[in-house]
Amino acid sequence: MDWVRVKSKMLMAVAYNAEWQQLYLKYRPGDVYCYRGVPPSRYEELLAADSKGTYARDHILHSYPYQRIYIADGPEGQARSADQRLG
C-alpha cells in the first residue's frame, strides 16, 4: 500500500488497500483514519476530485465505518498509534 500525496487544505495523503477495501486518510497535522468497506470507485473519485476535502466530507467521512489508527501528538513530531495512546 503506497501513500499518494494530495493537494488539499484538509488532507496530506491518501492510501487504499483494494483487497480489504480500506481507505486511509492522513489529515493535517498527521492523524490517520482507516475507513472500511470503501469501494475502489470511491478511492478513484477522491483522487480525481477538484477538492479532496469536500469530496471526503460529502462521500466518505459519514458513510463508512472508521477507526483512528494514528495520532499526531504535536509540534515536536512525536506520534503514537491510537492503541498506544489509549494504553
PDB file of N, CA and C in Angstrom:
ATOM      1  N   MET A   1       0.853  -1.177   0.000  1.00  0.00           N
ATOM      2  CA  MET A   1       0.000   0.000   0.000  1.00  0.00           C
ATOM      3  C   MET A   1       0.897   1.237   0.000  1.00  0.00           C
ATOM      4  N   ASP A   2       0.704   2.073  -0.983  1.00  0.00           N
ATOM      5  CA  ASP A   2       1.510   3.281  -1.108  1.00  0.00           C
ATOM      6  C   ASP A   2       0.655   4.511  -0.839  1.00  0.00           C
ATOM      7  N   TRP A   3       1.259   5.480  -0.175  1.00  0.00           N
ATOM      8  CA  TRP A   3       0.592   6.753   0.085  1.00  0.00           C
ATOM      9  C   TRP A   3       0.694   7.625  -1.150  1.00  0.00           C
ATOM     10  N   VAL A   4      -0.390   8.328  -1.440  1.00  0.00           N
ATOM     11  CA  VAL A   4      -0.432   9.298  -2.526  1.00  0.00           C
ATOM     12  C   VAL A   4      -0.622  10.674  -1.896  1.00  0.00           C
ATOM     13  N   ARG A   5       0.363  11.541  -2.078  1.00  0.00           N
ATOM     14  CA  ARG A   5       0.230  12.910  -1.569  1.00  0.00           C
ATOM     15  C   ARG A   5      -0.829  13.636  -2.377  1.00  0.00           C
ATOM     16  N   VAL A   6      -1.656  14.415  -1.677  1.00  0.00           N
ATOM     17  CA  VAL A   6      -2.712  15.161  -2.355  1.00  0.00           C
ATOM     18  C   VAL A   6      -2.614  16.639  -2.013  1.00  0.00           C
ATOM     19  N   LYS A   7      -3.115  17.443  -2.912  1.00  0.00           N
ATOM     20  CA  LYS A   7      -3.148  18.888  -2.706  1.00  0.00           C
ATOM     21  C   LYS A   7      -4.491  19.218  -2.062  1.00  0.00           C
ATOM     22  N   SER A   8      -4.462  19.529  -0.779  1.00  0.00           N
ATOM     23  CA  SER A   8      -5.698  19.757  -0.034  1.00  0.00           C
ATOM     24  C   SER A   8      -5.386  20.511   1.245  1.00  0.00           C
ATOM     25  N   LYS A   9      -6.302  21.353   1.667  1.00  0.00           N
ATOM     26  CA  LYS A   9      -6.146  22.036   2.948  1.00  0.00           C
ATOM     27  C   LYS A   9      -6.457  21.101   4.109  1.00  0.00           C
ATOM     28  N   MET A  10      -7.234  20.050   3.862  1.00  0.00           N
ATOM     29  CA  MET A  10      -7.666  19.132   4.907  1.00  0.00           C
ATOM     30  C   MET A  10      -6.810  17.866   4.977  1.00  0.00           C
ATOM     31  N   LEU A  11      -6.413  17.346   3.822  1.00  0.00           N
ATOM     32  CA  LEU A  11      -5.710  16.067   3.747  1.00  0.00           C
ATOM     33  C   LEU A  11      -4.270  16.250   3.284  1.00  0.00           C
ATOM     34  N   MET A  12      -3.393  15.386   3.823  1.00  0.00           N
ATOM     35  CA  MET A  12      -1.992  15.365   3.373  1.00  0.00           C
ATOM     36  C   MET A  12      -1.766  14.275   2.333  1.00  0.00           C
ATOM     37  N   ALA A  13      -2.387  13.106   2.580  1.00  0.00           N
ATOM     38  CA  ALA A  13      -2.157  11.952   1.710  1.00  0.00           C
ATOM     39  C   ALA A  13      -3.300  10.961   1.869  1.00  0.00           C
ATOM     40  N   VAL A  14      -3.423  10.074   0.879  1.00  0.00           N
ATOM     41  CA  VAL A  14      -4.419   9.008   0.924  1.00  0.00           C
ATOM     42  C   VAL A  14      -3.746   7.707   0.483  1.00  0.00           C
ATOM     43  N   ALA A  15      -4.304   6.598   0.944  1.00  0.00           N
ATOM     44  CA  ALA A  15      -3.825   5.274   0.531  1.00  0.00           C
ATOM     45  C   ALA A  15      -5.034   4.355   0.480  1.00  0.00           C
ATOM     46  N   TYR A  16      -4.913   3.285  -0.302  1.00  0.00           N
ATOM     47  CA  TYR A  16      -6.043   2.369  -0.463  1.00  0.00           C
ATOM     48  C   TYR A  16      -5.556   0.937  -0.535  1.00  0.00           C
ATOM     49  N   ASN A  17      -6.227   0.065   0.211  1.00  0.00           N
ATOM     50  CA  ASN A  17      -5.968  -1.366   0.156  1.00  0.00           C
ATOM     51  C   ASN A  17      -7.170  -2.000  -0.530  1.00  0.00           C
ATOM     52  N   ALA A  18      -7.008  -2.350  -1.814  1.00  0.00           N
ATOM     53  CA  ALA A  18      -8.117  -2.873  -2.609  1.00  0.00           C
ATOM     54  C   ALA A  18      -8.612  -4.221  -2.095  1.00  0.00           C
ATOM     55  N   GLU A  19      -7.692  -5.061  -1.633  1.00  0.00           N
ATOM     56  CA  GLU A  19      -8.085  -6.392  -1.150  1.00  0.00           C
ATOM     57  C   GLU A  19      -9.046  -6.296   0.029  1.00  0.00           C
ATOM     58  N   TRP A  20      -8.807  -5.365   0.925  1.00  0.00           N
ATOM     59  CA  TRP A  20      -9.631  -5.203   2.128  1.00  0.00           C
ATOM     60  C   TRP A  20     -10.636  -4.060   1.994  1.00  0.00           C
ATOM     61  N   GLN A  21     -10.612  -3.350   0.899  1.00  0.00           N
ATOM     62  CA  GLN A  21     -11.460  -2.177   0.662  1.00  0.00           C
ATOM     63  C   GLN A  21     -11.361  -1.190   1.829  1.00  0.00           C
ATOM     64  N   GLN A  22     -10.116  -0.866   2.166  1.00  0.00           N
ATOM     65  CA  GLN A  22      -9.843   0.083   3.242  1.00  0.00           C
ATOM     66  C   GLN A  22      -9.184   1.331   2.664  1.00  0.00           C
ATOM     67  N   LEU A  23      -9.758   2.477   2.990  1.00  0.00           N
ATOM     68  CA  LEU A  23      -9.233   3.756   2.560  1.00  0.00           C
ATOM     69  C   LEU A  23      -8.598   4.433   3.764  1.00  0.00           C
ATOM     70  N   TYR A  24      -7.368   4.870   3.607  1.00  0.00           N
ATOM     71  CA  TYR A  24      -6.643   5.554   4.673  1.00  0.00           C
ATOM     72  C   TYR A  24      -6.507   7.023   4.307  1.00  0.00           C
ATOM     73  N   LEU A  25      -6.920   7.889   5.215  1.00  0.00           N
ATOM     74  CA  LEU A  25      -6.800   9.322   5.009  1.00  0.00           C
ATOM     75  C   LEU A  25      -5.868   9.888   6.068  1.00  0.00           C
ATOM     76  N   LYS A  26      -4.852  10.589   5.620  1.00  0.00           N
ATOM     77  CA  LYS A  26      -3.921  11.250   6.527  1.00  0.00           C
ATOM     78  C   LYS A  26      -4.262  12.734   6.523  1.00  0.00           C
ATOM     79  N   TYR A  27      -4.768  13.191   7.673  1.00  0.00           N
ATOM     80  CA  TYR A  27      -5.201  14.567   7.822  1.00  0.00           C
ATOM     81  C   TYR A  27      -4.041  15.447   8.263  1.00  0.00           C
ATOM     82  N   ARG A  28      -4.202  16.734   8.101  1.00  0.00           N
ATOM     83  CA  ARG A  28      -3.253  17.687   8.678  1.00  0.00           C
ATOM     84  C   ARG A  28      -3.654  17.851  10.123  1.00  0.00           C
ATOM     85  N   PRO A  29      -2.805  17.744  11.103  1.00  0.00           N
ATOM     86  CA  PRO A  29      -1.354  17.700  11.048  1.00  0.00           C
ATOM     87  C   PRO A  29      -0.747  16.302  11.078  1.00  0.00           C
ATOM     88  N   GLY A  30      -1.502  15.249  10.804  1.00  0.00           N
ATOM     89  CA  GLY A  30      -0.881  13.940  10.731  1.00  0.00           C
ATOM     90  C   GLY A  30      -1.711  12.768  11.225  1.00  0.00           C
ATOM     91  N   ASP A  31      -2.893  13.018  11.794  1.00  0.00           N
ATOM     92  CA  ASP A  31      -3.738  11.903  12.235  1.00  0.00           C
ATOM     93  C   ASP A  31      -4.146  11.066  11.021  1.00  0.00           C
ATOM     94  N   VAL A  32      -4.208   9.744  11.207  1.00  0.00           N
ATOM     95  CA  VAL A  32      -4.589   8.830  10.135  1.00  0.00           C
ATOM     96  C   VAL A  32      -5.842   8.070  10.549  1.00  0.00           C
ATOM     97  N   TYR A  33      -6.813   8.029   9.652  1.00  0.00           N
ATOM     98  CA  TYR A  33      -8.050   7.281   9.862  1.00  0.00           C
ATOM     99  C   TYR A  33      -8.175   6.226   8.778  1.00  0.00           C
ATOM    100  N   CYS A  34      -8.727   5.076   9.150  1.00  0.00           N
ATOM    101  CA  CYS A  34      -8.992   3.990   8.222  1.00  0.00           C
ATOM    102  C   CYS A  34     -10.508   3.855   8.068  1.00  0.00           C
ATOM    103  N   TYR A  35     -10.983   3.934   6.827  1.00  0.00           N
ATOM    104  CA  TYR A  35     -12.401   3.780   6.509  1.00  0.00           C
ATOM    105  C   TYR A  35     -12.578   2.428   5.835  1.00  0.00           C
ATOM    106  N   ARG A  36     -13.494   1.604   6.363  1.00  0.00           N
ATOM    107  CA  ARG A  36     -13.672   0.234   5.893  1.00  0.00           C
ATOM    108  C   ARG A  36     -14.873   0.103   4.949  1.00  0.00           C
ATOM    109  N   GLY A  37     -14.748  -0.820   3.998  1.00  0.00           N
ATOM    110  CA  GLY A  37     -15.837  -1.103   3.063  1.00  0.00           C
ATOM    111  C   GLY A  37     -15.966  -0.075   1.951  1.00  0.00           C
ATOM    112  N   VAL A  38     -14.892   0.634   1.673  1.00  0.00           N
ATOM    113  CA  VAL A  38     -14.908   1.675   0.640  1.00  0.00           C
ATOM    114  C   VAL A  38     -14.598   1.034  -0.718  1.00  0.00           C
ATOM    115  N   PRO A  39     -15.523   1.127  -1.673  1.00  0.00           N
ATOM    116  CA  PRO A  39     -15.257   0.514  -2.977  1.00  0.00           C
ATOM    117  C   PRO A  39     -14.164   1.262  -3.744  1.00  0.00           C
ATOM    118  N   PRO A  40     -13.491   0.570  -4.643  1.00  0.00           N
ATOM    119  CA  PRO A  40     -12.418   1.201  -5.417  1.00  0.00           C
ATOM    120  C   PRO A  40     -12.873   2.463  -6.148  1.00  0.00           C
ATOM    121  N   SER A  41     -14.116   2.483  -6.597  1.00  0.00           N
ATOM    122  CA  SER A  41     -14.610   3.656  -7.326  1.00  0.00           C
ATOM    123  C   SER A  41     -14.575   4.915  -6.467  1.00  0.00           C
ATOM    124  N   ARG A  42     -14.844   4.794  -5.165  1.00  0.00           N
ATOM    125  CA  ARG A  42     -14.789   5.958  -4.267  1.00  0.00           C
ATOM    126  C   ARG A  42     -13.358   6.487  -4.166  1.00  0.00           C
ATOM    127  N   TYR A  43     -12.395   5.580  -4.062  1.00  0.00           N
ATOM    128  CA  TYR A  43     -10.991   5.982  -3.999  1.00  0.00           C
ATOM    129  C   TYR A  43     -10.589   6.714  -5.282  1.00  0.00           C
ATOM    130  N   GLU A  44     -10.973   6.164  -6.419  1.00  0.00           N
ATOM    131  CA  GLU A  44     -10.643   6.783  -7.702  1.00  0.00           C
ATOM    132  C   GLU A  44     -11.306   8.150  -7.848  1.00  0.00           C
ATOM    133  N   GLU A  45     -12.558   8.250  -7.401  1.00  0.00           N
ATOM    134  CA  GLU A  45     -13.269   9.528  -7.458  1.00  0.00           C
ATOM    135  C   GLU A  45     -12.614  10.559  -6.534  1.00  0.00           C
ATOM    136  N   LEU A  46     -12.162  10.121  -5.378  1.00  0.00           N
ATOM    137  CA  LEU A  46     -11.471  11.015  -4.448  1.00  0.00           C
ATOM    138  C   LEU A  46     -10.207  11.575  -5.104  1.00  0.00           C
ATOM    139  N   LEU A  47      -9.419  10.712  -5.714  1.00  0.00           N
ATOM    140  CA  LEU A  47      -8.191  11.166  -6.368  1.00  0.00           C
ATOM    141  C   LEU A  47      -8.473  12.128  -7.515  1.00  0.00           C
ATOM    142  N   ALA A  48      -9.596  11.940  -8.197  1.00  0.00           N
ATOM    143  CA  ALA A  48      -9.933  12.778  -9.344  1.00  0.00           C
ATOM    144  C   ALA A  48     -10.646  14.081  -8.959  1.00  0.00           C
ATOM    145  N   ALA A  49     -11.128  14.166  -7.736  1.00  0.00           N
ATOM    146  CA  ALA A  49     -11.917  15.329  -7.309  1.00  0.00           C
ATOM    147  C   ALA A  49     -11.076  16.606  -7.294  1.00  0.00           C
ATOM    148  N   ASP A  50     -11.688  17.709  -7.696  1.00  0.00           N
ATOM    149  CA  ASP A  50     -11.013  19.006  -7.636  1.00  0.00           C
ATOM    150  C   ASP A  50     -10.704  19.382  -6.192  1.00  0.00           C
ATOM    151  N   SER A  51     -11.659  19.125  -5.304  1.00  0.00           N
ATOM    152  CA  SER A  51     -11.465  19.394  -3.874  1.00  0.00           C
ATOM    153  C   SER A  51     -11.535  18.069  -3.121  1.00  0.00           C
ATOM    154  N   LYS A  52     -10.375  17.586  -2.701  1.00  0.00           N
ATOM    155  CA  LYS A  52     -10.315  16.305  -1.986  1.00  0.00           C
ATOM    156  C   LYS A  52     -11.078  16.370  -0.663  1.00  0.00           C
ATOM    157  N   GLY A  53     -10.940  17.480   0.054  1.00  0.00           N
ATOM    158  CA  GLY A  53     -11.613  17.631   1.339  1.00  0.00           C
ATOM    159  C   GLY A  53     -13.120  17.635   1.204  1.00  0.00           C
ATOM    160  N   THR A  54     -13.636  18.365   0.231  1.00  0.00           N
ATOM    161  CA  THR A  54     -15.086  18.408   0.013  1.00  0.00           C
ATOM    162  C   THR A  54     -15.599  17.032  -0.382  1.00  0.00           C
ATOM    163  N   TYR A  55     -14.882  16.347  -1.274  1.00  0.00           N
ATOM    164  CA  TYR A  55     -15.304  15.006  -1.680  1.00  0.00           C
ATOM    165  C   TYR A  55     -15.325  14.074  -0.474  1.00  0.00           C
ATOM    166  N   ALA A  56     -14.268  14.117   0.338  1.00  0.00           N
ATOM    167  CA  ALA A  56     -14.208  13.245   1.521  1.00  0.00           C
ATOM    168  C   ALA A  56     -15.376  13.536   2.464  1.00  0.00           C
ATOM    169  N   ARG A  57     -15.657  14.808   2.720  1.00  0.00           N
ATOM    170  CA  ARG A  57     -16.768  15.169   3.615  1.00  0.00           C
ATOM    171  C   ARG A  57     -18.112  14.700   3.059  1.00  0.00           C
ATOM    172  N   ASP A  58     -18.309  14.865   1.760  1.00  0.00           N
ATOM    173  CA  ASP A  58     -19.607  14.545   1.160  1.00  0.00           C
ATOM    174  C   ASP A  58     -19.837  13.060   0.908  1.00  0.00           C
ATOM    175  N   HIS A  59     -18.769  12.278   0.713  1.00  0.00           N
ATOM    176  CA  HIS A  59     -18.955  10.894   0.253  1.00  0.00           C
ATOM    177  C   HIS A  59     -18.288   9.815   1.108  1.00  0.00           C
ATOM    178  N   ILE A  60     -17.428  10.203   2.054  1.00  0.00           N
ATOM    179  CA  ILE A  60     -16.683   9.183   2.792  1.00  0.00           C
ATOM    180  C   ILE A  60     -16.844   9.295   4.312  1.00  0.00           C
ATOM    181  N   LEU A  61     -16.608  10.471   4.868  1.00  0.00           N
ATOM    182  CA  LEU A  61     -16.470  10.623   6.316  1.00  0.00           C
ATOM    183  C   LEU A  61     -17.626  10.063   7.125  1.00  0.00           C
ATOM    184  N   HIS A  62     -18.849  10.264   6.692  1.00  0.00           N
ATOM    185  CA  HIS A  62     -20.001   9.796   7.476  1.00  0.00           C
ATOM    186  C   HIS A  62     -20.734   8.647   6.793  1.00  0.00           C
ATOM    187  N   SER A  63     -20.095   8.069   5.796  1.00  0.00           N
ATOM    188  CA  SER A  63     -20.730   6.997   5.035  1.00  0.00           C
ATOM    189  C   SER A  63     -20.154   5.611   5.306  1.00  0.00           C
ATOM    190  N   TYR A  64     -18.987   5.546   5.930  1.00  0.00           N
ATOM    191  CA  TYR A  64     -18.316   4.264   6.150  1.00  0.00           C
ATOM    192  C   TYR A  64     -17.825   4.175   7.586  1.00  0.00           C
ATOM    193  N   PRO A  65     -17.805   2.954   8.141  1.00  0.00           N
ATOM    194  CA  PRO A  65     -17.229   2.801   9.489  1.00  0.00           C
ATOM    195  C   PRO A  65     -15.741   3.136   9.449  1.00  0.00           C
ATOM    196  N   TYR A  66     -15.258   3.727  10.515  1.00  0.00           N
ATOM    197  CA  TYR A  66     -13.862   4.167  10.532  1.00  0.00           C
ATOM    198  C   TYR A  66     -13.235   3.952  11.898  1.00  0.00           C
ATOM    199  N   GLN A  67     -11.923   4.059  11.906  1.00  0.00           N
ATOM    200  CA  GLN A  67     -11.148   3.966  13.142  1.00  0.00           C
ATOM    201  C   GLN A  67      -9.937   4.876  13.008  1.00  0.00           C
ATOM    202  N   ARG A  68      -9.683   5.652  14.047  1.00  0.00           N
ATOM    203  CA  ARG A  68      -8.453   6.454  14.054  1.00  0.00           C
ATOM    204  C   ARG A  68      -7.327   5.507  14.417  1.00  0.00           C
ATOM    205  N   ILE A  69      -6.301   5.435  13.570  1.00  0.00           N
ATOM    206  CA  ILE A  69      -5.238   4.468  13.800  1.00  0.00           C
ATOM    207  C   ILE A  69      -3.900   5.107  14.118  1.00  0.00           C
ATOM    208  N   TYR A  70      -3.806   6.432  13.967  1.00  0.00           N
ATOM    209  CA  TYR A  70      -2.543   7.100  14.244  1.00  0.00           C
ATOM    210  C   TYR A  70      -2.849   8.517  14.690  1.00  0.00           C
ATOM    211  N   ILE A  71      -2.190   8.941  15.748  1.00  0.00           N
ATOM    212  CA  ILE A  71      -2.435  10.258  16.318  1.00  0.00           C
ATOM    213  C   ILE A  71      -1.141  11.049  16.319  1.00  0.00           C
ATOM    214  N   ALA A  72      -1.162  12.205  15.679  1.00  0.00           N
ATOM    215  CA  ALA A  72      -0.010  13.112  15.710  1.00  0.00           C
ATOM    216  C   ALA A  72      -0.100  13.911  17.002  1.00  0.00           C
ATOM    217  N   ASP A  73       0.966  13.883  17.795  1.00  0.00           N
ATOM    218  CA  ASP A  73       0.923  14.493  19.114  1.00  0.00           C
ATOM    219  C   ASP A  73       1.278  15.965  19.169  1.00  0.00           C
ATOM    220  N   GLY A  74       1.796  16.520  18.124  1.00  0.00           N
ATOM    221  CA  GLY A  74       2.072  17.946  18.200  1.00  0.00           C
ATOM    222  C   GLY A  74       3.347  18.372  17.531  1.00  0.00           C
ATOM    223  N   PRO A  75       3.779  19.594  17.829  1.00  0.00           N
ATOM    224  CA  PRO A  75       4.890  20.192  17.093  1.00  0.00           C
ATOM    225  C   PRO A  75       6.222  19.480  17.251  1.00  0.00           C
ATOM    226  N   GLU A  76       6.403  18.758  18.335  1.00  0.00           N
ATOM    227  CA  GLU A  76       7.690  18.084  18.500  1.00  0.00           C
ATOM    228  C   GLU A  76       7.801  16.856  17.611  1.00  0.00           C
ATOM    229  N   GLY A  77       6.725  16.550  16.870  1.00  0.00           N
ATOM    230  CA  GLY A  77       6.790  15.482  15.879  1.00  0.00           C
ATOM    231  C   GLY A  77       6.639  14.091  16.450  1.00  0.00           C
ATOM    232  N   GLN A  78       6.375  13.951  17.725  1.00  0.00           N
ATOM    233  CA  GLN A  78       6.180  12.632  18.298  1.00  0.00           C
ATOM    234  C   GLN A  78       4.760  12.180  18.008  1.00  0.00           C
ATOM    235  N   ALA A  79       4.615  10.928  17.691  1.00  0.00           N
ATOM    236  CA  ALA A  79       3.300  10.385  17.389  1.00  0.00           C
ATOM    237  C   ALA A  79       3.258   8.927  17.826  1.00  0.00           C
ATOM    238  N   ARG A  80       2.051   8.469  18.105  1.00  0.00           N
ATOM    239  CA  ARG A  80       1.857   7.083  18.514  1.00  0.00           C
ATOM    240  C   ARG A  80       0.603   6.539  17.856  1.00  0.00           C
ATOM    241  N   SER A  81       0.468   5.234  17.816  1.00  0.00           N
ATOM    242  CA  SER A  81      -0.771   4.660  17.298  1.00  0.00           C
ATOM    243  C   SER A  81      -1.872   4.977  18.294  1.00  0.00           C
ATOM    244  N   ALA A  82      -3.115   4.916  17.834  1.00  0.00           N
ATOM    245  CA  ALA A  82      -4.247   5.217  18.715  1.00  0.00           C
ATOM    246  C   ALA A  82      -4.276   4.242  19.887  1.00  0.00           C
ATOM    247  N   ASP A  83      -3.956   2.964  19.646  1.00  0.00           N
ATOM    248  CA  ASP A  83      -3.960   1.983  20.715  1.00  0.00           C
ATOM    249  C   ASP A  83      -2.917   2.328  21.779  1.00  0.00           C
ATOM    250  N   GLN A  84      -1.731   2.751  21.362  1.00  0.00           N
ATOM    251  CA  GLN A  84      -0.691   3.096  22.317  1.00  0.00           C
ATOM    252  C   GLN A  84      -1.083   4.321  23.134  1.00  0.00           C
ATOM    253  N   ARG A  85      -1.713   5.267  22.507  1.00  0.00           N
ATOM    254  CA  ARG A  85      -2.070   6.487  23.225  1.00  0.00           C
ATOM    255  C   ARG A  85      -3.112   6.198  24.294  1.00  0.00           C
ATOM    256  N   LEU A  86      -4.030   5.298  24.009  1.00  0.00           N
ATOM    257  CA  LEU A  86      -5.065   4.978  24.971  1.00  0.00           C
ATOM    258  C   LEU A  86      -4.543   4.144  26.129  1.00  0.00           C
ATOM    259  N   GLY A  87      -3.470   3.416  25.906  1.00  0.00           N
ATOM    260  CA  GLY A  87      -2.955   2.472  26.890  1.00  0.00           C
ATOM    261  C   GLY A  87      -2.142   3.028  27.944  1.00  0.00           C
TER     262      GLY A  87
END
